[in-house]
Amino acid sequence: MAVQLIRLGLRYIMVVCLEKNSQQMLDDVRRKMFDVIQNQDHVFFNRIRTGDLMTRMTNDLDLIRHSLAWISYNAVDSIVIFAVTLIYLFTVSWKLTLCLAAVTPFILIITRIFSKIIHPMYVTLRAKLSSLNTVAQENIAGNRVVKAFAREEFEKEKFDEKNREYRESNLKAAYVGAKFTPIIDLLSQSLTVITLLMGGILMINGEMTAGQMMAFSSLTWALANPLKNLGMLINDIQRFSASSSMIIEIFYSQPTIVEHATAKEPDHRLHGELSYDHVTLKVSGHTVLEDINLHVPAGKTLGVMGTTGSGKTSLVSLLNRAYDVTEGSVSIDGINVQDIPMATLRRSVSVAMQDVFLFSDTVEGNIAYGNTEMSFDEVRACAKAADADGFINRMEEGYDTLIGERGVGLSGGQRQRIALARALAMKPSVLVLDDTTSAVDMETEKYIQHQLRSLPFPCTKVIVAQKVSSVQDADQIIILDGGKIIERGTHEELLQQRGYYYSIWALQNSIEEVEPVGA
């Protein structure tokens, strides 16, 4: 009784400790994974889908926690009980013990076969779950598009298909387990039959006493149960193996864009003088930008225009190292951007994009996202500069209004103006507006342009746009085509060139084009 009480007490302590440690491990690994994901670049997110990442951060991690808290405990418990019992019974009757041990190789062979068959099934099952989560995530994120095109039934069918595939993969794995489990159970229960038959023969021959026979009968469970649990343990271990490989892939992923060892803090606030020196950018082997040479003095405004896919966004993405140049260099104030610490660089280069993402937070929280120490007056000043203060005040709770993921509940223009206010709140040295005013009306755009010319802090502005009205007041305008600069100059100079810029200006102002100069 004392031994049993001690055993149960130690088992309880072990279970509690394993549960506590596994939860701590889960917390540590999840934080590490999130940290790794935060430091990844565009290539990583283009390769791994959001739904897959969510599966790894939740389901896969929970399976690993289960493995540490439960599978490891059961595996150690089963091995120790089996080994100790086998040793003890060997001292009682080595002949009967060898007869019982003869069953073990058959169970190990079956277990090995089971493991080889079930492992690829769990890898497939894991992939099906990832696809299911991806479909659900994309549908929820794109709910506006789904409703706009009345594709609810199509999305239901797509989800049902992925759900059915996941169910079938689950059932297939379960059926395989159901086939092997009875075989292992049968072999483990055969130990009782062997004990009765061989033990009886040994007793009849006088090679065993009744007490020894009773010891074997009483401890047969200590051999049978570990063998019986073996199938379940192998099943869980294969699940663990499939999930752990997914976690390891994320855990040890290395970003292609890293902070250089030579990077050091500038000794002054960056003024915003921009230089592109023979810049070439290749993404996945495709040339996006080719031999770009460009200089923008501090405090000036650069306008960037061009056809879709000409490399406009890629050009400005080099400023905050969303991409790194393949050849050449990009500098701010004469300092290569790769020699500036990433955090400093990205605080100095603020970006407002056309495709706006707003967090599930208050309006004030979204504007002050990059600078949480801002006062309310500063937040409001940024909103006024972006012409957002008016519609914000008309909201039920003003700046304390909660807005949904991706700005659900706001118009496209309103989301863009909040995103612009968020960029201005950083008081950056370089302000990049990537088609930020595409969804606002002409009057609002004119107001925003006026506010941008009179910002209360020095700032170089880079405006990427499709509308001439957005860039016509810029100090320098460049036209990109096929990753190359084909035109550059001021608004008046480009009109004189009678090229792409002139054609767009004429089209947008309903002016009949004249023949290009020299035609």
Foldseek 3Di string as FASTA:
>chain_A
DVVVVVVVVVLVVLLVVQLVVLVVVLVVLLVLLVVLVVPAFPVVPVVDDPLLVVCLSPVLSVLLSCCRNPLVSLLVLLVVLQVVLLVVLCVQPVVLSVVLCVLVVVLVVLLVVLLVVLLVLLLVLSVLSSVLSRLVVVCVVPVVVCVVVVVPVVSVVVNVVSVVSNVVSVVVSVVSLVVSLVVLLVSLVCSLVSLVVVVVVCVVVVNHDPVSSVSSNVSSCSNSVSSSCSSVSSNSVSNSVSSVVSSVCSSPDDHPQDQDPQADADPDAFQFWKWFAQFWADDPNRTQAGGDTDTDGGLFEEEEEEDPSLNQVVVLCCQLPSDDTPDTFMDGPNHTNSNHGNVSSDLQEFEQALQFWAAQFFLLCRLCVVPVPDDPVLLLVLLVLLVQQVVQVVDPVRRRDGAHTSRPVDDSQNRLSSSSSSRVSSVHSEYEYHQSRVPPDPVSLVSNVVSVSDDPHTHYYYYYHHACVNPQPGQKYFYGGNNYTPDMDHNVVVCLQLDPSVVSVCVVVVHDRDDGPPD
